[in-house]
Amino acid sequence: MNERLVKLWEQANIRYDMDYVFAGVPRDARPSIPEIFAELIIKECLSSIQSDMDSEVMNGTMSLAKHAGMVSAKTVIKKHFGVEE
């Protein structure tokens, strides 16, 4: 795993403990650590796309077609994985 994935795995474990274990959430009502990890990966991907979009828009280097493609990619990812904002 690359360093960023290792950090996300660590975040998933911390979030599991802080948000669910220490908060006293019953085990059957908690998401699993892999589920939290997957959510973090998806959010990281969406954030990366948005960051690239913002950077290119600020620099005036993004074509309309590329912008449309990136917006479409974000929409498809969200829909495929059921991400709600």
PDB file of N, CA and C in Angstrom:
ATOM      1  N   MET A   1       0.845  -1.186   0.000  1.00  0.00           N
ATOM      2  CA  MET A   1       0.000   0.000   0.000  1.00  0.00           C
ATOM      3  C   MET A   1       0.884   1.241   0.000  1.00  0.00           C
ATOM      4  N   ASN A   2       0.422   2.264  -0.706  1.00  0.00           N
ATOM      5  CA  ASN A   2       1.196   3.487  -0.654  1.00  0.00           C
ATOM      6  C   ASN A   2       0.926   4.220   0.659  1.00  0.00           C
ATOM      7  N   GLU A   3       1.696   5.234   0.901  1.00  0.00           N
ATOM      8  CA  GLU A   3       1.639   5.933   2.191  1.00  0.00           C
ATOM      9  C   GLU A   3       0.258   6.530   2.467  1.00  0.00           C
ATOM     10  N   ARG A   4      -0.390   7.058   1.444  1.00  0.00           N
ATOM     11  CA  ARG A   4      -1.708   7.668   1.652  1.00  0.00           C
ATOM     12  C   ARG A   4      -2.737   6.620   2.059  1.00  0.00           C
ATOM     13  N   LEU A   5      -2.670   5.436   1.456  1.00  0.00           N
ATOM     14  CA  LEU A   5      -3.606   4.367   1.844  1.00  0.00           C
ATOM     15  C   LEU A   5      -3.358   3.913   3.276  1.00  0.00           C
ATOM     16  N   VAL A   6      -2.106   3.858   3.676  1.00  0.00           N
ATOM     17  CA  VAL A   6      -1.786   3.494   5.061  1.00  0.00           C
ATOM     18  C   VAL A   6      -2.394   4.520   6.012  1.00  0.00           C
ATOM     19  N   LYS A   7      -2.275   5.801   5.670  1.00  0.00           N
ATOM     20  CA  LYS A   7      -2.858   6.867   6.513  1.00  0.00           C
ATOM     21  C   LYS A   7      -4.380   6.736   6.575  1.00  0.00           C
ATOM     22  N   LEU A   8      -5.009   6.427   5.437  1.00  0.00           N
ATOM     23  CA  LEU A   8      -6.458   6.267   5.436  1.00  0.00           C
ATOM     24  C   LEU A   8      -6.890   5.071   6.275  1.00  0.00           C
ATOM     25  N   TRP A   9      -6.111   3.982   6.227  1.00  0.00           N
ATOM     26  CA  TRP A   9      -6.412   2.809   7.050  1.00  0.00           C
ATOM     27  C   TRP A   9      -6.316   3.180   8.534  1.00  0.00           C
ATOM     28  N   GLU A  10      -5.280   3.937   8.886  1.00  0.00           N
ATOM     29  CA  GLU A  10      -5.131   4.388  10.275  1.00  0.00           C
ATOM     30  C   GLU A  10      -6.298   5.276  10.691  1.00  0.00           C
ATOM     31  N   GLN A  11      -6.714   6.188   9.786  1.00  0.00           N
ATOM     32  CA  GLN A  11      -7.861   7.049  10.063  1.00  0.00           C
ATOM     33  C   GLN A  11      -9.129   6.225  10.272  1.00  0.00           C
ATOM     34  N   ALA A  12      -9.302   5.199   9.478  1.00  0.00           N
ATOM     35  CA  ALA A  12     -10.489   4.344   9.604  1.00  0.00           C
ATOM     36  C   ALA A  12     -10.515   3.681  10.978  1.00  0.00           C
ATOM     37  N   ASN A  13      -9.376   3.213  11.437  1.00  0.00           N
ATOM     38  CA  ASN A  13      -9.302   2.582  12.750  1.00  0.00           C
ATOM     39  C   ASN A  13      -9.578   3.583  13.870  1.00  0.00           C
ATOM     40  N   ILE A  14      -9.018   4.773  13.747  1.00  0.00           N
ATOM     41  CA  ILE A  14      -9.241   5.817  14.760  1.00  0.00           C
ATOM     42  C   ILE A  14     -10.708   6.219  14.772  1.00  0.00           C
ATOM     43  N   ARG A  15     -11.269   6.425  13.584  1.00  0.00           N
ATOM     44  CA  ARG A  15     -12.674   6.822  13.503  1.00  0.00           C
ATOM     45  C   ARG A  15     -13.587   5.755  14.078  1.00  0.00           C
ATOM     46  N   TYR A  16     -13.272   4.490  13.813  1.00  0.00           N
ATOM     47  CA  TYR A  16     -14.070   3.388  14.361  1.00  0.00           C
ATOM     48  C   TYR A  16     -14.076   3.459  15.886  1.00  0.00           C
ATOM     49  N   ASP A  17     -12.884   3.613  16.450  1.00  0.00           N
ATOM     50  CA  ASP A  17     -12.795   3.681  17.912  1.00  0.00           C
ATOM     51  C   ASP A  17     -13.498   4.918  18.466  1.00  0.00           C
ATOM     52  N   MET A  18     -13.196   6.074  17.908  1.00  0.00           N
ATOM     53  CA  MET A  18     -13.726   7.330  18.445  1.00  0.00           C
ATOM     54  C   MET A  18     -15.236   7.469  18.228  1.00  0.00           C
ATOM     55  N   ASP A  19     -15.689   7.172  17.027  1.00  0.00           N
ATOM     56  CA  ASP A  19     -17.095   7.403  16.690  1.00  0.00           C
ATOM     57  C   ASP A  19     -18.034   6.294  17.148  1.00  0.00           C
ATOM     58  N   TYR A  20     -17.496   5.089  17.328  1.00  0.00           N
ATOM     59  CA  TYR A  20     -18.384   3.968  17.605  1.00  0.00           C
ATOM     60  C   TYR A  20     -18.063   3.235  18.908  1.00  0.00           C
ATOM     61  N   VAL A  21     -16.821   2.811  19.091  1.00  0.00           N
ATOM     62  CA  VAL A  21     -16.477   2.029  20.284  1.00  0.00           C
ATOM     63  C   VAL A  21     -16.561   2.899  21.538  1.00  0.00           C
ATOM     64  N   PHE A  22     -15.818   3.998  21.541  1.00  0.00           N
ATOM     65  CA  PHE A  22     -15.793   4.864  22.730  1.00  0.00           C
ATOM     66  C   PHE A  22     -17.123   5.564  22.959  1.00  0.00           C
ATOM     67  N   ALA A  23     -17.897   5.731  21.900  1.00  0.00           N
ATOM     68  CA  ALA A  23     -19.207   6.368  22.011  1.00  0.00           C
ATOM     69  C   ALA A  23     -20.274   5.389  22.491  1.00  0.00           C
ATOM     70  N   GLY A  24     -19.909   4.113  22.606  1.00  0.00           N
ATOM     71  CA  GLY A  24     -20.839   3.118  23.119  1.00  0.00           C
ATOM     72  C   GLY A  24     -21.891   2.653  22.119  1.00  0.00           C
ATOM     73  N   VAL A  25     -21.612   2.817  20.851  1.00  0.00           N
ATOM     74  CA  VAL A  25     -22.561   2.363  19.827  1.00  0.00           C
ATOM     75  C   VAL A  25     -22.549   0.831  19.811  1.00  0.00           C
ATOM     76  N   PRO A  26     -23.726   0.205  19.872  1.00  0.00           N
ATOM     77  CA  PRO A  26     -23.768  -1.262  19.858  1.00  0.00           C
ATOM     78  C   PRO A  26     -23.064  -1.837  18.628  1.00  0.00           C
ATOM     79  N   ARG A  27     -22.408  -2.961  18.811  1.00  0.00           N
ATOM     80  CA  ARG A  27     -21.619  -3.586  17.747  1.00  0.00           C
ATOM     81  C   ARG A  27     -22.431  -3.791  16.467  1.00  0.00           C
ATOM     82  N   ASP A  28     -23.685  -4.198  16.592  1.00  0.00           N
ATOM     83  CA  ASP A  28     -24.484  -4.467  15.388  1.00  0.00           C
ATOM     84  C   ASP A  28     -24.925  -3.187  14.674  1.00  0.00           C
ATOM     85  N   ALA A  29     -24.715  -2.027  15.282  1.00  0.00           N
ATOM     86  CA  ALA A  29     -25.071  -0.753  14.654  1.00  0.00           C
ATOM     87  C   ALA A  29     -23.855  -0.024  14.085  1.00  0.00           C
ATOM     88  N   ARG A  30     -22.679  -0.630  14.226  1.00  0.00           N
ATOM     89  CA  ARG A  30     -21.432  -0.008  13.759  1.00  0.00           C
ATOM     90  C   ARG A  30     -21.077  -0.474  12.349  1.00  0.00           C
ATOM     91  N   PRO A  31     -20.527   0.440  11.537  1.00  0.00           N
ATOM     92  CA  PRO A  31     -19.944  -0.027  10.282  1.00  0.00           C
ATOM     93  C   PRO A  31     -18.635  -0.737  10.600  1.00  0.00           C
ATOM     94  N   SER A  32     -18.168  -1.568   9.701  1.00  0.00           N
ATOM     95  CA  SER A  32     -16.885  -2.233   9.921  1.00  0.00           C
ATOM     96  C   SER A  32     -15.744  -1.282   9.555  1.00  0.00           C
ATOM     97  N   ILE A  33     -14.555  -1.605  10.026  1.00  0.00           N
ATOM     98  CA  ILE A  33     -13.387  -0.794   9.672  1.00  0.00           C
ATOM     99  C   ILE A  33     -13.179  -0.792   8.155  1.00  0.00           C
ATOM    100  N   PRO A  34     -13.283  -1.937   7.465  1.00  0.00           N
ATOM    101  CA  PRO A  34     -13.155  -1.887   6.001  1.00  0.00           C
ATOM    102  C   PRO A  34     -14.202  -0.988   5.328  1.00  0.00           C
ATOM    103  N   GLU A  35     -15.414  -0.929   5.872  1.00  0.00           N
ATOM    104  CA  GLU A  35     -16.430  -0.041   5.311  1.00  0.00           C
ATOM    105  C   GLU A  35     -16.028   1.421   5.482  1.00  0.00           C
ATOM    106  N   ILE A  36     -15.510   1.756   6.647  1.00  0.00           N
ATOM    107  CA  ILE A  36     -15.050   3.123   6.894  1.00  0.00           C
ATOM    108  C   ILE A  36     -13.871   3.443   5.979  1.00  0.00           C
ATOM    109  N   PHE A  37     -12.956   2.490   5.826  1.00  0.00           N
ATOM    110  CA  PHE A  37     -11.794   2.651   4.950  1.00  0.00           C
ATOM    111  C   PHE A  37     -12.244   2.908   3.514  1.00  0.00           C
ATOM    112  N   ALA A  38     -13.194   2.137   3.034  1.00  0.00           N
ATOM    113  CA  ALA A  38     -13.709   2.320   1.670  1.00  0.00           C
ATOM    114  C   ALA A  38     -14.333   3.705   1.512  1.00  0.00           C
ATOM    115  N   GLU A  39     -15.094   4.121   2.506  1.00  0.00           N
ATOM    116  CA  GLU A  39     -15.706   5.458   2.463  1.00  0.00           C
ATOM    117  C   GLU A  39     -14.633   6.539   2.375  1.00  0.00           C
ATOM    118  N   LEU A  40     -13.578   6.391   3.162  1.00  0.00           N
ATOM    119  CA  LEU A  40     -12.496   7.376   3.140  1.00  0.00           C
ATOM    120  C   LEU A  40     -11.784   7.401   1.789  1.00  0.00           C
ATOM    121  N   ILE A  41     -11.586   6.236   1.180  1.00  0.00           N
ATOM    122  CA  ILE A  41     -10.950   6.185  -0.147  1.00  0.00           C
ATOM    123  C   ILE A  41     -11.817   6.904  -1.176  1.00  0.00           C
ATOM    124  N   ILE A  42     -13.108   6.633  -1.159  1.00  0.00           N
ATOM    125  CA  ILE A  42     -14.019   7.264  -2.115  1.00  0.00           C
ATOM    126  C   ILE A  42     -14.015   8.778  -1.932  1.00  0.00           C
ATOM    127  N   LYS A  43     -14.097   9.226  -0.695  1.00  0.00           N
ATOM    128  CA  LYS A  43     -14.082  10.667  -0.428  1.00  0.00           C
ATOM    129  C   LYS A  43     -12.759  11.294  -0.861  1.00  0.00           C
ATOM    130  N   GLU A  44     -11.667  10.574  -0.671  1.00  0.00           N
ATOM    131  CA  GLU A  44     -10.355  11.061  -1.102  1.00  0.00           C
ATOM    132  C   GLU A  44     -10.304  11.193  -2.627  1.00  0.00           C
ATOM    133  N   CYS A  45     -10.858  10.238  -3.339  1.00  0.00           N
ATOM    134  CA  CYS A  45     -10.893  10.308  -4.806  1.00  0.00           C
ATOM    135  C   CYS A  45     -11.714  11.505  -5.267  1.00  0.00           C
ATOM    136  N   LEU A  46     -12.886  11.691  -4.686  1.00  0.00           N
ATOM    137  CA  LEU A  46     -13.735  12.822  -5.040  1.00  0.00           C
ATOM    138  C   LEU A  46     -13.045  14.141  -4.726  1.00  0.00           C
ATOM    139  N   SER A  47     -12.382  14.199  -3.595  1.00  0.00           N
ATOM    140  CA  SER A  47     -11.661  15.402  -3.197  1.00  0.00           C
ATOM    141  C   SER A  47     -10.511  15.709  -4.154  1.00  0.00           C
ATOM    142  N   SER A  48      -9.830  14.665  -4.604  1.00  0.00           N
ATOM    143  CA  SER A  48      -8.722  14.844  -5.537  1.00  0.00           C
ATOM    144  C   SER A  48      -9.217  15.408  -6.870  1.00  0.00           C
ATOM    145  N   ILE A  49     -10.326  14.884  -7.360  1.00  0.00           N
ATOM    146  CA  ILE A  49     -10.905  15.400  -8.599  1.00  0.00           C
ATOM    147  C   ILE A  49     -11.287  16.869  -8.418  1.00  0.00           C
ATOM    148  N   GLN A  50     -11.944  17.183  -7.306  1.00  0.00           N
ATOM    149  CA  GLN A  50     -12.378  18.559  -7.048  1.00  0.00           C
ATOM    150  C   GLN A  50     -11.184  19.491  -6.932  1.00  0.00           C
ATOM    151  N   SER A  51     -10.140  19.045  -6.276  1.00  0.00           N
ATOM    152  CA  SER A  51      -8.932  19.866  -6.117  1.00  0.00           C
ATOM    153  C   SER A  51      -8.300  20.183  -7.471  1.00  0.00           C
ATOM    154  N   ASP A  52      -8.217  19.173  -8.337  1.00  0.00           N
ATOM    155  CA  ASP A  52      -7.678  19.390  -9.683  1.00  0.00           C
ATOM    156  C   ASP A  52      -8.561  20.367 -10.461  1.00  0.00           C
ATOM    157  N   MET A  53      -9.872  20.204 -10.324  1.00  0.00           N
ATOM    158  CA  MET A  53     -10.789  21.106 -11.012  1.00  0.00           C
ATOM    159  C   MET A  53     -10.592  22.539 -10.531  1.00  0.00           C
ATOM    160  N   ASP A  54     -10.555  22.717  -9.220  1.00  0.00           N
ATOM    161  CA  ASP A  54     -10.395  24.054  -8.648  1.00  0.00           C
ATOM    162  C   ASP A  54      -9.099  24.705  -9.111  1.00  0.00           C
ATOM    163  N   SER A  55      -8.027  23.925  -9.111  1.00  0.00           N
ATOM    164  CA  SER A  55      -6.721  24.440  -9.504  1.00  0.00           C
ATOM    165  C   SER A  55      -6.720  24.890 -10.970  1.00  0.00           C
ATOM    166  N   GLU A  56      -7.268  24.056 -11.841  1.00  0.00           N
ATOM    167  CA  GLU A  56      -7.271  24.395 -13.259  1.00  0.00           C
ATOM    168  C   GLU A  56      -8.231  25.541 -13.574  1.00  0.00           C
ATOM    169  N   VAL A  57      -9.327  25.626 -12.849  1.00  0.00           N
ATOM    170  CA  VAL A  57     -10.262  26.739 -13.051  1.00  0.00           C
ATOM    171  C   VAL A  57      -9.590  28.043 -12.619  1.00  0.00           C
ATOM    172  N   MET A  58      -8.909  28.009 -11.470  1.00  0.00           N
ATOM    173  CA  MET A  58      -8.218  29.209 -10.974  1.00  0.00           C
ATOM    174  C   MET A  58      -7.134  29.663 -11.950  1.00  0.00           C
ATOM    175  N   ASN A  59      -6.442  28.703 -12.560  1.00  0.00           N
ATOM    176  CA  ASN A  59      -5.368  29.019 -13.501  1.00  0.00           C
ATOM    177  C   ASN A  59      -5.894  29.335 -14.905  1.00  0.00           C
ATOM    178  N   GLY A  60      -7.166  29.087 -15.140  1.00  0.00           N
ATOM    179  CA  GLY A  60      -7.753  29.326 -16.450  1.00  0.00           C
ATOM    180  C   GLY A  60      -7.295  28.330 -17.505  1.00  0.00           C
ATOM    181  N   THR A  61      -6.905  27.141 -17.061  1.00  0.00           N
ATOM    182  CA  THR A  61      -6.359  26.155 -17.994  1.00  0.00           C
ATOM    183  C   THR A  61      -7.308  24.997 -18.294  1.00  0.00           C
ATOM    184  N   MET A  62      -8.509  25.036 -17.758  1.00  0.00           N
ATOM    185  CA  MET A  62      -9.426  23.910 -17.954  1.00  0.00           C
ATOM    186  C   MET A  62     -10.370  24.176 -19.124  1.00  0.00           C
ATOM    187  N   SER A  63     -10.436  23.211 -20.014  1.00  0.00           N
ATOM    188  CA  SER A  63     -11.381  23.315 -21.125  1.00  0.00           C
ATOM    189  C   SER A  63     -12.774  22.948 -20.627  1.00  0.00           C
ATOM    190  N   LEU A  64     -13.762  23.391 -21.338  1.00  0.00           N
ATOM    191  CA  LEU A  64     -15.148  23.071 -20.985  1.00  0.00           C
ATOM    192  C   LEU A  64     -15.387  21.571 -21.026  1.00  0.00           C
ATOM    193  N   ALA A  65     -14.805  20.907 -22.023  1.00  0.00           N
ATOM    194  CA  ALA A  65     -14.975  19.453 -22.154  1.00  0.00           C
ATOM    195  C   ALA A  65     -14.352  18.719 -20.970  1.00  0.00           C
ATOM    196  N   LYS A  66     -13.168  19.153 -20.555  1.00  0.00           N
ATOM    197  CA  LYS A  66     -12.518  18.503 -19.410  1.00  0.00           C
ATOM    198  C   LYS A  66     -13.323  18.738 -18.140  1.00  0.00           C
ATOM    199  N   HIS A  67     -13.823  19.950 -17.958  1.00  0.00           N
ATOM    200  CA  HIS A  67     -14.638  20.256 -16.781  1.00  0.00           C
ATOM    201  C   HIS A  67     -15.873  19.364 -16.747  1.00  0.00           C
ATOM    202  N   ALA A  68     -16.533  19.243 -17.883  1.00  0.00           N
ATOM    203  CA  ALA A  68     -17.728  18.396 -17.962  1.00  0.00           C
ATOM    204  C   ALA A  68     -17.379  16.942 -17.642  1.00  0.00           C
ATOM    205  N   GLY A  69     -16.243  16.479 -18.139  1.00  0.00           N
ATOM    206  CA  GLY A  69     -15.813  15.110 -17.866  1.00  0.00           C
ATOM    207  C   GLY A  69     -15.531  14.865 -16.400  1.00  0.00           C
ATOM    208  N   MET A  70     -14.905  15.841 -15.753  1.00  0.00           N
ATOM    209  CA  MET A  70     -14.588  15.683 -14.332  1.00  0.00           C
ATOM    210  C   MET A  70     -15.852  15.725 -13.475  1.00  0.00           C
ATOM    211  N   VAL A  71     -16.773  16.616 -13.815  1.00  0.00           N
ATOM    212  CA  VAL A  71     -18.049  16.673 -13.097  1.00  0.00           C
ATOM    213  C   VAL A  71     -18.791  15.353 -13.285  1.00  0.00           C
ATOM    214  N   SER A  72     -18.782  14.839 -14.504  1.00  0.00           N
ATOM    215  CA  SER A  72     -19.437  13.569 -14.783  1.00  0.00           C
ATOM    216  C   SER A  72     -18.797  12.428 -13.998  1.00  0.00           C
ATOM    217  N   ALA A  73     -17.458  12.419 -13.933  1.00  0.00           N
ATOM    218  CA  ALA A  73     -16.757  11.370 -13.182  1.00  0.00           C
ATOM    219  C   ALA A  73     -17.169  11.399 -11.711  1.00  0.00           C
ATOM    220  N   LYS A  74     -17.218  12.584 -11.134  1.00  0.00           N
ATOM    221  CA  LYS A  74     -17.636  12.693  -9.732  1.00  0.00           C
ATOM    222  C   LYS A  74     -19.060  12.181  -9.539  1.00  0.00           C
ATOM    223  N   THR A  75     -19.942  12.534 -10.461  1.00  0.00           N
ATOM    224  CA  THR A  75     -21.342  12.110 -10.368  1.00  0.00           C
ATOM    225  C   THR A  75     -21.460  10.595 -10.465  1.00  0.00           C
ATOM    226  N   VAL A  76     -20.737   9.995 -11.394  1.00  0.00           N
ATOM    227  CA  VAL A  76     -20.781   8.538 -11.580  1.00  0.00           C
ATOM    228  C   VAL A  76     -20.239   7.825 -10.337  1.00  0.00           C
ATOM    229  N   ILE A  77     -19.132   8.316  -9.794  1.00  0.00           N
ATOM    230  CA  ILE A  77     -18.551   7.703  -8.586  1.00  0.00           C
ATOM    231  C   ILE A  77     -19.536   7.779  -7.429  1.00  0.00           C
ATOM    232  N   LYS A  78     -20.119   8.949  -7.221  1.00  0.00           N
ATOM    233  CA  LYS A  78     -21.086   9.114  -6.121  1.00  0.00           C
ATOM    234  C   LYS A  78     -22.277   8.177  -6.288  1.00  0.00           C
ATOM    235  N   LYS A  79     -22.801   8.124  -7.500  1.00  0.00           N
ATOM    236  CA  LYS A  79     -23.966   7.272  -7.754  1.00  0.00           C
ATOM    237  C   LYS A  79     -23.620   5.795  -7.578  1.00  0.00           C
ATOM    238  N   HIS A  80     -22.479   5.389  -8.129  1.00  0.00           N
ATOM    239  CA  HIS A  80     -22.076   3.984  -8.059  1.00  0.00           C
ATOM    240  C   HIS A  80     -21.912   3.503  -6.620  1.00  0.00           C
ATOM    241  N   PHE A  81     -21.325   4.345  -5.782  1.00  0.00           N
ATOM    242  CA  PHE A  81     -21.055   3.940  -4.403  1.00  0.00           C
ATOM    243  C   PHE A  81     -22.092   4.456  -3.409  1.00  0.00           C
ATOM    244  N   GLY A  82     -23.113   5.147  -3.884  1.00  0.00           N
ATOM    245  CA  GLY A  82     -24.162   5.632  -2.997  1.00  0.00           C
ATOM    246  C   GLY A  82     -23.710   6.699  -2.033  1.00  0.00           C
ATOM    247  N   VAL A  83     -22.791   7.545  -2.488  1.00  0.00           N
ATOM    248  CA  VAL A  83     -22.252   8.607  -1.636  1.00  0.00           C
ATOM    249  C   VAL A  83     -23.254   9.746  -1.572  1.00  0.00           C
ATOM    250  N   GLU A  84     -23.532  10.183  -0.361  1.00  0.00           N
ATOM    251  CA  GLU A  84     -24.404  11.335  -0.155  1.00  0.00           C
ATOM    252  C   GLU A  84     -23.563  12.459   0.422  1.00  0.00           C
ATOM    253  N   GLU A  85     -23.849  13.670  -0.026  1.00  0.00           N
ATOM    254  CA  GLU A  85     -23.064  14.801   0.477  1.00  0.00           C
ATOM    255  C   GLU A  85     -23.734  15.445   1.642  1.00  0.00           C
TER     256      GLU A  85
END
